[in-house]
């Protein structure tokens, strides 16, 4: 079973809506250029959290772990940081990465990812990548490392069918990816990961759950724009209410319980953490609560959740 061709392009109905959504995204990214240092500090704190979780649960050192990222994305900063720090990390994504910006690499992106992804990747490379890579290099230098790009660490393909050896991965991570995978492919994805996870291994999977205020992936409700006072066309929780607008990406629309049941089929669920508890509370009026009475406030006020997963015992439930 295979994933969609790309998780980076949706099916917005009109050219005008597509242009609006992508211009909003470009505006957000441009406004964020000044905060790259803060972004990299958050990234490094996230990696520290990975280390703490793995070492506390497995009893082994993170520096000795075989690490694998599922869905490194168009901005593979996490995997670049892990490998530059000298860790044994690899990752896989359906879309070919743009690492050097060379003409052959751009042509590969066009062939593999399609023209819409090609346009996005080219603009991003010319406007943003150099700023982000310099900020990442500065953050790495504070830890005695420098940015190193190792293309062989960036696999292109489908995690559901990837040739990962059984019990070969000590630590899986995935951020903001699982919501873009079709529901009928997720069991194969999890089965592949569970097969590859070592007996003492740990997987940290953090999807953006559909029921959060940003779960519809409209840029005007992202965490970066929520408090900006920007002009918005849509209502809070538009994707659960009027559904007049669509994000420029595929979404499987899974709820928190859907993920819980999925992971329980393949792993032992150690913990579930709401990483953005209270996100959007200022917009959750009594009218909205009444309209969305099928959803709990906990679901509505949590965009991103992290599932801490372990391998099931061979003879266990």
C-alpha atoms as a PDB file:
ATOM      1  CA  UNK A   1       0.000   0.000   0.000  1.00  0.00           C
ATOM      2  CA  UNK A   2       1.441   3.346  -0.999  1.00  0.00           C
ATOM      3  CA  UNK A   3       1.068   6.895   0.205  1.00  0.00           C
ATOM      4  CA  UNK A   4      -0.156   9.714  -2.003  1.00  0.00           C
ATOM      5  CA  UNK A   5       2.355  11.014  -4.544  1.00  0.00           C
ATOM      6  CA  UNK A   6       3.040  14.093  -2.443  1.00  0.00           C
ATOM      7  CA  UNK A   7       1.692  15.413   0.824  1.00  0.00           C
ATOM      8  CA  UNK A   8       2.683  18.958  -0.051  1.00  0.00           C
ATOM      9  CA  UNK A   9      -0.040  19.829  -2.572  1.00  0.00           C
ATOM     10  CA  UNK A  10      -3.758  19.843  -1.984  1.00  0.00           C
ATOM     11  CA  UNK A  11      -6.738  20.302  -4.271  1.00  0.00           C
ATOM     12  CA  UNK A  12      -7.901  23.891  -3.777  1.00  0.00           C
ATOM     13  CA  UNK A  13     -10.933  24.533  -5.968  1.00  0.00           C
ATOM     14  CA  UNK A  14      -9.958  27.821  -7.611  1.00  0.00           C
ATOM     15  CA  UNK A  15      -6.741  29.496  -8.714  1.00  0.00           C
ATOM     16  CA  UNK A  16      -7.672  32.540  -6.643  1.00  0.00           C
ATOM     17  CA  UNK A  17      -7.957  30.516  -3.434  1.00  0.00           C
ATOM     18  CA  UNK A  18      -4.689  28.725  -4.208  1.00  0.00           C
ATOM     19  CA  UNK A  19      -2.938  32.068  -4.741  1.00  0.00           C
ATOM     20  CA  UNK A  20      -4.435  33.553  -1.547  1.00  0.00           C
ATOM     21  CA  UNK A  21      -3.361  30.639   0.614  1.00  0.00           C
ATOM     22  CA  UNK A  22       0.172  30.553  -0.770  1.00  0.00           C
ATOM     23  CA  UNK A  23       0.595  34.308  -0.516  1.00  0.00           C
ATOM     24  CA  UNK A  24      -0.490  34.100   3.125  1.00  0.00           C
ATOM     25  CA  UNK A  25       2.107  31.392   3.680  1.00  0.00           C
ATOM     26  CA  UNK A  26       4.803  33.467   1.946  1.00  0.00           C
ATOM     27  CA  UNK A  27       3.881  36.487   4.067  1.00  0.00           C
ATOM     28  CA  UNK A  28       4.143  34.425   7.252  1.00  0.00           C
ATOM     29  CA  UNK A  29       7.552  33.088   6.234  1.00  0.00           C
ATOM     30  CA  UNK A  30       8.862  36.555   5.332  1.00  0.00           C
ATOM     31  CA  UNK A  31       7.732  37.950   8.679  1.00  0.00           C
ATOM     32  CA  UNK A  32       9.494  35.081  10.398  1.00  0.00           C
ATOM     33  CA  UNK A  33      12.915  35.713   8.872  1.00  0.00           C
ATOM     34  CA  UNK A  34      13.946  37.833  11.854  1.00  0.00           C
ATOM     35  CA  UNK A  35      13.131  35.053  14.297  1.00  0.00           C
ATOM     36  CA  UNK A  36      15.298  32.299  12.857  1.00  0.00           C
ATOM     37  CA  UNK A  37      17.532  32.208  15.947  1.00  0.00           C
ATOM     38  CA  UNK A  38      14.514  31.525  18.142  1.00  0.00           C
ATOM     39  CA  UNK A  39      13.337  28.826  15.739  1.00  0.00           C
ATOM     40  CA  UNK A  40      16.686  27.059  15.912  1.00  0.00           C
ATOM     41  CA  UNK A  41      16.748  27.296  19.703  1.00  0.00           C
ATOM     42  CA  UNK A  42      13.349  25.556  19.702  1.00  0.00           C
ATOM     43  CA  UNK A  43      14.689  22.928  17.311  1.00  0.00           C
ATOM     44  CA  UNK A  44      17.673  22.189  19.543  1.00  0.00           C
ATOM     45  CA  UNK A  45      15.384  21.998  22.594  1.00  0.00           C
ATOM     46  CA  UNK A  46      13.248  19.509  20.673  1.00  0.00           C
ATOM     47  CA  UNK A  47      16.295  17.336  19.972  1.00  0.00           C
ATOM     48  CA  UNK A  48      17.223  17.512  23.654  1.00  0.00           C
ATOM     49  CA  UNK A  49      13.720  16.288  24.407  1.00  0.00           C
ATOM     50  CA  UNK A  50      14.239  13.367  22.050  1.00  0.00           C
ATOM     51  CA  UNK A  51      17.421  12.432  23.878  1.00  0.00           C
ATOM     52  CA  UNK A  52      15.782  12.656  27.289  1.00  0.00           C
ATOM     53  CA  UNK A  53      12.785  10.569  26.237  1.00  0.00           C
ATOM     54  CA  UNK A  54      14.871   7.885  24.568  1.00  0.00           C
ATOM     55  CA  UNK A  55      17.424   7.537  27.335  1.00  0.00           C
ATOM     56  CA  UNK A  56      14.850   7.527  30.150  1.00  0.00           C
ATOM     57  CA  UNK A  57      12.663   4.907  28.465  1.00  0.00           C
ATOM     58  CA  UNK A  58      15.274   2.656  26.852  1.00  0.00           C
ATOM     59  CA  UNK A  59      18.172   2.952  29.285  1.00  0.00           C
ATOM     60  CA  UNK A  60      20.550   3.422  26.343  1.00  0.00           C
ATOM     61  CA  UNK A  61      22.510   6.471  25.169  1.00  0.00           C
ATOM     62  CA  UNK A  62      20.990   8.576  22.406  1.00  0.00           C
ATOM     63  CA  UNK A  63      24.389   9.103  20.812  1.00  0.00           C
ATOM     64  CA  UNK A  64      24.563   5.357  20.112  1.00  0.00           C
ATOM     65  CA  UNK A  65      21.017   5.073  18.723  1.00  0.00           C
ATOM     66  CA  UNK A  66      20.000   4.361  15.146  1.00  0.00           C
ATOM     67  CA  UNK A  67      17.605   7.254  14.480  1.00  0.00           C
ATOM     68  CA  UNK A  68      15.038   7.479  11.698  1.00  0.00           C
ATOM     69  CA  UNK A  69      12.786  10.431  10.824  1.00  0.00           C
ATOM     70  CA  UNK A  70       9.544   9.720   8.996  1.00  0.00           C
ATOM     71  CA  UNK A  71       8.773  12.667   6.719  1.00  0.00           C
ATOM     72  CA  UNK A  72      11.701  15.099   6.930  1.00  0.00           C
ATOM     73  CA  UNK A  73       9.776  17.506   4.700  1.00  0.00           C
ATOM     74  CA  UNK A  74      10.636  20.376   2.394  1.00  0.00           C
ATOM     75  CA  UNK A  75      12.661  22.056   5.163  1.00  0.00           C
ATOM     76  CA  UNK A  76      14.644  19.118   6.562  1.00  0.00           C
ATOM     77  CA  UNK A  77      16.201  21.105   9.400  1.00  0.00           C
ATOM     78  CA  UNK A  78      15.634  18.398  12.005  1.00  0.00           C
ATOM     79  CA  UNK A  79      17.477  15.736  10.047  1.00  0.00           C
ATOM     80  CA  UNK A  80      20.207  18.186   9.063  1.00  0.00           C
ATOM     81  CA  UNK A  81      20.712  19.024  12.740  1.00  0.00           C
ATOM     82  CA  UNK A  82      20.761  15.379  13.865  1.00  0.00           C
ATOM     83  CA  UNK A  83      23.304  14.334  11.254  1.00  0.00           C
ATOM     84  CA  UNK A  84      25.448  17.442  11.721  1.00  0.00           C
ATOM     85  CA  UNK A  85      25.656  16.672  15.446  1.00  0.00           C
ATOM     86  CA  UNK A  86      27.268  13.368  14.500  1.00  0.00           C
ATOM     87  CA  UNK A  87      24.259  11.197  15.306  1.00  0.00           C
ATOM     88  CA  UNK A  88      23.431   8.085  13.317  1.00  0.00           C
ATOM     89  CA  UNK A  89      20.287   9.458  11.698  1.00  0.00           C
ATOM     90  CA  UNK A  90      18.445   8.877   8.443  1.00  0.00           C
ATOM     91  CA  UNK A  91      15.020   9.808   7.172  1.00  0.00           C
ATOM     92  CA  UNK A  92      12.539   9.234   4.393  1.00  0.00           C
ATOM     93  CA  UNK A  93      10.045  11.428   2.553  1.00  0.00           C
ATOM     94  CA  UNK A  94       7.875  11.056  -0.534  1.00  0.00           C
ATOM     95  CA  UNK A  95       9.229  14.341  -1.893  1.00  0.00           C
ATOM     96  CA  UNK A  96      12.816  14.677  -3.081  1.00  0.00           C
ATOM     97  CA  UNK A  97      14.683  17.192  -0.897  1.00  0.00           C
ATOM     98  CA  UNK A  98      16.367  20.334  -2.142  1.00  0.00           C
ATOM     99  CA  UNK A  99      19.695  20.312  -0.317  1.00  0.00           C
ATOM    100  CA  UNK A 100      22.184  22.072  -2.586  1.00  0.00           C
ATOM    101  CA  UNK A 101      19.936  24.011  -4.945  1.00  0.00           C
ATOM    102  CA  UNK A 102      21.857  22.755  -7.961  1.00  0.00           C
ATOM    103  CA  UNK A 103      20.204  22.510 -11.376  1.00  0.00           C
ATOM    104  CA  UNK A 104      20.274  18.656 -11.400  1.00  0.00           C
ATOM    105  CA  UNK A 105      18.672  18.639  -7.955  1.00  0.00           C
ATOM    106  CA  UNK A 106      15.961  21.069  -9.071  1.00  0.00           C
ATOM    107  CA  UNK A 107      15.221  18.865 -12.078  1.00  0.00           C
ATOM    108  CA  UNK A 108      14.941  15.864  -9.777  1.00  0.00           C
ATOM    109  CA  UNK A 109      12.454  17.789  -7.617  1.00  0.00           C
ATOM    110  CA  UNK A 110      10.427  18.608 -10.738  1.00  0.00           C
ATOM    111  CA  UNK A 111      10.404  14.975 -11.911  1.00  0.00           C
ATOM    112  CA  UNK A 112       9.673  13.494  -8.488  1.00  0.00           C
ATOM    113  CA  UNK A 113       7.425  16.045  -6.810  1.00  0.00           C
ATOM    114  CA  UNK A 114       5.560  17.744  -9.667  1.00  0.00           C
ATOM    115  CA  UNK A 115       5.437  21.322 -10.863  1.00  0.00           C
ATOM    116  CA  UNK A 116       3.577  22.843  -7.889  1.00  0.00           C
ATOM    117  CA  UNK A 117       6.108  21.440  -5.426  1.00  0.00           C
ATOM    118  CA  UNK A 118       8.872  22.534  -7.805  1.00  0.00           C
ATOM    119  CA  UNK A 119       7.626  26.144  -7.715  1.00  0.00           C
ATOM    120  CA  UNK A 120       7.399  26.119  -3.924  1.00  0.00           C
ATOM    121  CA  UNK A 121      10.840  24.549  -3.539  1.00  0.00           C
ATOM    122  CA  UNK A 122      12.482  26.986  -5.932  1.00  0.00           C
ATOM    123  CA  UNK A 123      11.005  30.054  -4.220  1.00  0.00           C
ATOM    124  CA  UNK A 124      11.920  28.703  -0.810  1.00  0.00           C
ATOM    125  CA  UNK A 125      15.490  27.942  -1.882  1.00  0.00           C
ATOM    126  CA  UNK A 126      16.026  31.429  -3.293  1.00  0.00           C
ATOM    127  CA  UNK A 127      14.364  33.387  -0.479  1.00  0.00           C
ATOM    128  CA  UNK A 128      14.603  31.398   2.749  1.00  0.00           C
ATOM    129  CA  UNK A 129      16.983  28.445   2.740  1.00  0.00           C
ATOM    130  CA  UNK A 130      20.229  30.402   3.015  1.00  0.00           C
ATOM    131  CA  UNK A 131      18.899  32.338   6.048  1.00  0.00           C
ATOM    132  CA  UNK A 132      17.714  29.166   7.750  1.00  0.00           C
ATOM    133  CA  UNK A 133      20.906  27.230   7.061  1.00  0.00           C
ATOM    134  CA  UNK A 134      23.040  30.061   8.475  1.00  0.00           C
ATOM    135  CA  UNK A 135      20.862  30.207  11.589  1.00  0.00           C
ATOM    136  CA  UNK A 136      21.123  26.432  11.965  1.00  0.00           C
ATOM    137  CA  UNK A 137      24.891  26.557  11.528  1.00  0.00           C
ATOM    138  CA  UNK A 138      25.152  29.152  14.307  1.00  0.00           C
ATOM    139  CA  UNK A 139      23.023  26.996  16.610  1.00  0.00           C
ATOM    140  CA  UNK A 140      25.167  23.955  15.841  1.00  0.00           C
ATOM    141  CA  UNK A 141      28.363  25.929  16.471  1.00  0.00           C
ATOM    142  CA  UNK A 142      27.191  26.575  20.021  1.00  0.00           C
ATOM    143  CA  UNK A 143      27.333  22.794  20.487  1.00  0.00           C
ATOM    144  CA  UNK A 144      30.715  22.341  18.860  1.00  0.00           C
ATOM    145  CA  UNK A 145      29.379  21.213  15.475  1.00  0.00           C
ATOM    146  CA  UNK A 146      28.947  22.713  12.015  1.00  0.00           C
ATOM    147  CA  UNK A 147      26.309  22.183   9.362  1.00  0.00           C
ATOM    148  CA  UNK A 148      27.098  19.161   7.201  1.00  0.00           C
ATOM    149  CA  UNK A 149      24.876  18.066   4.339  1.00  0.00           C
ATOM    150  CA  UNK A 150      24.952  14.324   3.719  1.00  0.00           C
ATOM    151  CA  UNK A 151      22.536  13.531   0.858  1.00  0.00           C
ATOM    152  CA  UNK A 152      22.774   9.775   1.415  1.00  0.00           C
ATOM    153  CA  UNK A 153      20.932  10.239   4.715  1.00  0.00           C
ATOM    154  CA  UNK A 154      17.855  11.624   2.926  1.00  0.00           C
ATOM    155  CA  UNK A 155      15.934   8.706   1.451  1.00  0.00           C
ATOM    156  CA  UNK A 156      13.109   9.305  -1.022  1.00  0.00           C
ATOM    157  CA  UNK A 157      10.264   6.819  -0.910  1.00  0.00           C
ATOM    158  CA  UNK A 158       7.354   5.361   1.018  1.00  0.00           C
ATOM    159  CA  UNK A 159       7.952   4.339   4.636  1.00  0.00           C
ATOM    160  CA  UNK A 160       5.237   1.674   4.226  1.00  0.00           C
ATOM    161  CA  UNK A 161       7.369  -0.215   1.710  1.00  0.00           C
ATOM    162  CA  UNK A 162      10.859   0.911   2.725  1.00  0.00           C
ATOM    163  CA  UNK A 163      13.387  -1.875   3.135  1.00  0.00           C
ATOM    164  CA  UNK A 164      14.119  -1.316   6.816  1.00  0.00           C
ATOM    165  CA  UNK A 165      15.626  -4.386   8.450  1.00  0.00           C
ATOM    166  CA  UNK A 166      13.688  -5.856  11.395  1.00  0.00           C
ATOM    167  CA  UNK A 167      14.763  -4.410  14.762  1.00  0.00           C
ATOM    168  CA  UNK A 168      17.146  -1.958  13.076  1.00  0.00           C
ATOM    169  CA  UNK A 169      15.820   1.394  14.356  1.00  0.00           C
ATOM    170  CA  UNK A 170      16.226   2.472  17.976  1.00  0.00           C
ATOM    171  CA  UNK A 171      14.394   5.771  17.705  1.00  0.00           C
ATOM    172  CA  UNK A 172      11.688   6.964  15.305  1.00  0.00           C
ATOM    173  CA  UNK A 173      10.555  10.565  15.179  1.00  0.00           C
ATOM    174  CA  UNK A 174       7.914  12.249  13.055  1.00  0.00           C
ATOM    175  CA  UNK A 175       6.568  15.776  13.361  1.00  0.00           C
ATOM    176  CA  UNK A 176       3.492  17.151  11.561  1.00  0.00           C
ATOM    177  CA  UNK A 177       3.430  14.304   9.025  1.00  0.00           C
ATOM    178  CA  UNK A 178       0.869  11.649   9.952  1.00  0.00           C
ATOM    179  CA  UNK A 179      -2.081  13.981   9.313  1.00  0.00           C
ATOM    180  CA  UNK A 180      -1.025  14.061   5.645  1.00  0.00           C
ATOM    181  CA  UNK A 181      -1.077  10.281   5.164  1.00  0.00           C
ATOM    182  CA  UNK A 182      -4.304   8.672   3.873  1.00  0.00           C
ATOM    183  CA  UNK A 183      -6.122   6.639   6.498  1.00  0.00           C
ATOM    184  CA  UNK A 184      -5.982   3.462   4.422  1.00  0.00           C
ATOM    185  CA  UNK A 185      -2.181   3.700   4.274  1.00  0.00           C
ATOM    186  CA  UNK A 186      -1.524   4.312   7.970  1.00  0.00           C
ATOM    187  CA  UNK A 187      -1.723   0.698   9.099  1.00  0.00           C
ATOM    188  CA  UNK A 188       0.984  -0.267   6.595  1.00  0.00           C
ATOM    189  CA  UNK A 189       3.103   2.690   7.726  1.00  0.00           C
ATOM    190  CA  UNK A 190       2.813   1.733  11.405  1.00  0.00           C
ATOM    191  CA  UNK A 191       3.389  -1.955  10.669  1.00  0.00           C
ATOM    192  CA  UNK A 192       6.626  -1.102   8.848  1.00  0.00           C
ATOM    193  CA  UNK A 193       7.798   1.068  11.739  1.00  0.00           C
ATOM    194  CA  UNK A 194       6.830  -1.476  14.406  1.00  0.00           C
ATOM    195  CA  UNK A 195       8.709  -4.199  12.533  1.00  0.00           C
ATOM    196  CA  UNK A 196      11.848  -2.037  12.314  1.00  0.00           C
ATOM    197  CA  UNK A 197      11.769  -0.837  15.944  1.00  0.00           C
ATOM    198  CA  UNK A 198      14.194  -2.558  18.309  1.00  0.00           C
ATOM    199  CA  UNK A 199      12.822  -4.235  21.475  1.00  0.00           C
ATOM    200  CA  UNK A 200      14.052  -1.314  23.609  1.00  0.00           C
ATOM    201  CA  UNK A 201      13.247   1.285  20.964  1.00  0.00           C
ATOM    202  CA  UNK A 202      11.108   4.409  21.237  1.00  0.00           C
ATOM    203  CA  UNK A 203       8.946   6.216  18.689  1.00  0.00           C
ATOM    204  CA  UNK A 204       7.777   9.800  19.161  1.00  0.00           C
ATOM    205  CA  UNK A 205       5.018  10.628  16.690  1.00  0.00           C
ATOM    206  CA  UNK A 206       3.474  14.103  16.765  1.00  0.00           C
ATOM    207  CA  UNK A 207       0.642  14.743  14.297  1.00  0.00           C
ATOM    208  CA  UNK A 208      -1.316  17.963  14.003  1.00  0.00           C
ATOM    209  CA  UNK A 209      -4.788  16.678  14.905  1.00  0.00           C
ATOM    210  CA  UNK A 210      -7.629  17.876  12.671  1.00  0.00           C
ATOM    211  CA  UNK A 211      -9.888  19.134  15.454  1.00  0.00           C
ATOM    212  CA  UNK A 212      -7.521  21.874  16.662  1.00  0.00           C
ATOM    213  CA  UNK A 213      -8.022  25.464  15.493  1.00  0.00           C
ATOM    214  CA  UNK A 214      -5.078  25.035  13.128  1.00  0.00           C
ATOM    215  CA  UNK A 215      -5.994  21.482  12.198  1.00  0.00           C
ATOM    216  CA  UNK A 216      -7.393  22.561   8.842  1.00  0.00           C
ATOM    217  CA  UNK A 217      -3.931  23.896   7.925  1.00  0.00           C
ATOM    218  CA  UNK A 218      -5.229  27.286   6.829  1.00  0.00           C
ATOM    219  CA  UNK A 219      -2.294  29.655   7.242  1.00  0.00           C
ATOM    220  CA  UNK A 220      -4.370  32.287   9.026  1.00  0.00           C
ATOM    221  CA  UNK A 221      -4.911  29.900  11.954  1.00  0.00           C
ATOM    222  CA  UNK A 222      -1.323  28.629  12.282  1.00  0.00           C
ATOM    223  CA  UNK A 223       0.411  29.019  15.631  1.00  0.00           C
ATOM    224  CA  UNK A 224       2.677  31.694  14.099  1.00  0.00           C
ATOM    225  CA  UNK A 225      -0.284  33.815  12.970  1.00  0.00           C
ATOM    226  CA  UNK A 226      -2.886  33.160  15.661  1.00  0.00           C
ATOM    227  CA  UNK A 227      -2.084  36.271  17.683  1.00  0.00           C
ATOM    228  CA  UNK A 228      -1.052  38.515  14.808  1.00  0.00           C
ATOM    229  CA  UNK A 229      -4.342  40.346  14.238  1.00  0.00           C
ATOM    230  CA  UNK A 230      -4.071  39.597  10.515  1.00  0.00           C
ATOM    231  CA  UNK A 231      -7.045  39.927   8.173  1.00  0.00           C
ATOM    232  CA  UNK A 232      -8.833  36.564   7.969  1.00  0.00           C
ATOM    233  CA  UNK A 233     -11.379  35.300   5.462  1.00  0.00           C
ATOM    234  CA  UNK A 234     -12.338  32.240   7.492  1.00  0.00           C
ATOM    235  CA  UNK A 235     -13.997  31.644  10.849  1.00  0.00           C
ATOM    236  CA  UNK A 236     -12.270  29.930  13.811  1.00  0.00           C
ATOM    237  CA  UNK A 237     -12.435  26.160  13.259  1.00  0.00           C
ATOM    238  CA  UNK A 238     -13.599  26.844   9.695  1.00  0.00           C
ATOM    239  CA  UNK A 239     -12.659  23.274   8.719  1.00  0.00           C
ATOM    240  CA  UNK A 240     -15.140  21.853  11.260  1.00  0.00           C
ATOM    241  CA  UNK A 241     -17.886  24.372  10.514  1.00  0.00           C
ATOM    242  CA  UNK A 242     -18.507  26.047   7.150  1.00  0.00           C
ATOM    243  CA  UNK A 243     -15.576  24.434   5.282  1.00  0.00           C
ATOM    244  CA  UNK A 244     -15.547  27.195   2.664  1.00  0.00           C
ATOM    245  CA  UNK A 245     -11.756  27.147   2.252  1.00  0.00           C
ATOM    246  CA  UNK A 246      -9.204  24.389   1.868  1.00  0.00           C
ATOM    247  CA  UNK A 247      -5.510  24.259   2.668  1.00  0.00           C
ATOM    248  CA  UNK A 248      -2.912  23.538   0.002  1.00  0.00           C
ATOM    249  CA  UNK A 249      -2.185  20.049   1.305  1.00  0.00           C
ATOM    250  CA  UNK A 250      -3.836  16.674   1.780  1.00  0.00           C
ATOM    251  CA  UNK A 251      -5.403  16.037   5.217  1.00  0.00           C
ATOM    252  CA  UNK A 252      -6.843  12.738   6.474  1.00  0.00           C
ATOM    253  CA  UNK A 253      -9.065  14.548   9.041  1.00  0.00           C
ATOM    254  CA  UNK A 254      -8.277  12.096  11.864  1.00  0.00           C
ATOM    255  CA  UNK A 255      -9.277  12.883  15.428  1.00  0.00           C
ATOM    256  CA  UNK A 256      -7.326  12.161  18.587  1.00  0.00           C
ATOM    257  CA  UNK A 257      -9.165   8.885  19.278  1.00  0.00           C
ATOM    258  CA  UNK A 258      -8.473   7.741  15.707  1.00  0.00           C
ATOM    259  CA  UNK A 259      -4.730   8.100  16.289  1.00  0.00           C
ATOM    260  CA  UNK A 260      -4.991   6.405  19.675  1.00  0.00           C
ATOM    261  CA  UNK A 261      -6.678   3.355  18.141  1.00  0.00           C
ATOM    262  CA  UNK A 262      -4.216   3.284  15.230  1.00  0.00           C
ATOM    263  CA  UNK A 263      -1.157   3.287  17.461  1.00  0.00           C
ATOM    264  CA  UNK A 264      -2.620   0.805  19.921  1.00  0.00           C
ATOM    265  CA  UNK A 265      -2.934  -1.717  17.091  1.00  0.00           C
ATOM    266  CA  UNK A 266       0.798  -1.615  16.407  1.00  0.00           C
ATOM    267  CA  UNK A 267       2.602  -0.313  19.504  1.00  0.00           C
ATOM    268  CA  UNK A 268       2.390  -0.012  23.242  1.00  0.00           C
ATOM    269  CA  UNK A 269       1.272   3.574  23.910  1.00  0.00           C
ATOM    270  CA  UNK A 270       3.349   4.865  26.827  1.00  0.00           C
ATOM    271  CA  UNK A 271       1.977   8.407  26.950  1.00  0.00           C
ATOM    272  CA  UNK A 272       0.070  11.055  25.011  1.00  0.00           C
ATOM    273  CA  UNK A 273       0.995  14.721  25.424  1.00  0.00           C
ATOM    274  CA  UNK A 274      -0.923  17.802  24.292  1.00  0.00           C
ATOM    275  CA  UNK A 275       1.905  20.004  23.015  1.00  0.00           C
ATOM    276  CA  UNK A 276      -0.300  23.059  22.451  1.00  0.00           C
ATOM    277  CA  UNK A 277      -2.830  22.874  25.259  1.00  0.00           C
ATOM    278  CA  UNK A 278      -5.163  25.873  25.232  1.00  0.00           C
ATOM    279  CA  UNK A 279      -4.193  26.863  21.690  1.00  0.00           C
ATOM    280  CA  UNK A 280      -7.014  29.015  20.308  1.00  0.00           C
ATOM    281  CA  UNK A 281      -8.828  29.495  23.631  1.00  0.00           C
ATOM    282  CA  UNK A 282      -9.458  33.181  22.896  1.00  0.00           C
ATOM    283  CA  UNK A 283     -11.577  32.187  19.885  1.00  0.00           C
ATOM    284  CA  UNK A 284     -13.598  29.456  21.608  1.00  0.00           C
ATOM    285  CA  UNK A 285     -16.747  31.423  22.332  1.00  0.00           C
ATOM    286  CA  UNK A 286     -19.967  29.992  23.752  1.00  0.00           C
ATOM    287  CA  UNK A 287     -21.479  30.064  20.258  1.00  0.00           C
ATOM    288  CA  UNK A 288     -18.603  28.035  18.846  1.00  0.00           C
ATOM    289  CA  UNK A 289     -18.773  25.546  21.720  1.00  0.00           C
ATOM    290  CA  UNK A 290     -22.490  25.081  21.104  1.00  0.00           C
ATOM    291  CA  UNK A 291     -21.996  24.627  17.357  1.00  0.00           C
ATOM    292  CA  UNK A 292     -19.158  22.128  17.851  1.00  0.00           C
ATOM    293  CA  UNK A 293     -20.739  20.172  20.685  1.00  0.00           C
ATOM    294  CA  UNK A 294     -19.602  16.882  19.107  1.00  0.00           C
ATOM    295  CA  UNK A 295     -16.024  17.776  20.085  1.00  0.00           C
ATOM    296  CA  UNK A 296     -14.542  18.129  23.555  1.00  0.00           C
ATOM    297  CA  UNK A 297     -12.797  21.356  24.523  1.00  0.00           C
ATOM    298  CA  UNK A 298      -9.605  19.332  24.930  1.00  0.00           C
ATOM    299  CA  UNK A 299      -9.811  18.306  21.264  1.00  0.00           C
ATOM    300  CA  UNK A 300     -10.582  21.821  20.068  1.00  0.00           C
ATOM    301  CA  UNK A 301      -7.788  23.423  22.109  1.00  0.00           C
ATOM    302  CA  UNK A 302      -4.946  21.136  21.105  1.00  0.00           C
ATOM    303  CA  UNK A 303      -3.493  21.315  17.607  1.00  0.00           C
ATOM    304  CA  UNK A 304      -0.464  19.098  18.080  1.00  0.00           C
ATOM    305  CA  UNK A 305      -0.225  15.923  20.156  1.00  0.00           C
ATOM    306  CA  UNK A 306       2.743  13.647  20.790  1.00  0.00           C
ATOM    307  CA  UNK A 307       2.382   9.897  21.149  1.00  0.00           C
ATOM    308  CA  UNK A 308       5.166   8.067  22.978  1.00  0.00           C
ATOM    309  CA  UNK A 309       5.286   4.542  21.592  1.00  0.00           C
ATOM    310  CA  UNK A 310       7.180   1.360  22.430  1.00  0.00           C
ATOM    311  CA  UNK A 311       7.408  -2.002  20.756  1.00  0.00           C
ATOM    312  CA  UNK A 312       4.756  -4.512  21.812  1.00  0.00           C
ATOM    313  CA  UNK A 313       6.081  -7.595  23.599  1.00  0.00           C
ATOM    314  CA  UNK A 314       6.205 -10.537  21.175  1.00  0.00           C
ATOM    315  CA  UNK A 315       3.743 -12.545  23.241  1.00  0.00           C
ATOM    316  CA  UNK A 316       1.899  -9.598  24.707  1.00  0.00           C
ATOM    317  CA  UNK A 317      -1.519  -8.113  23.870  1.00  0.00           C
END
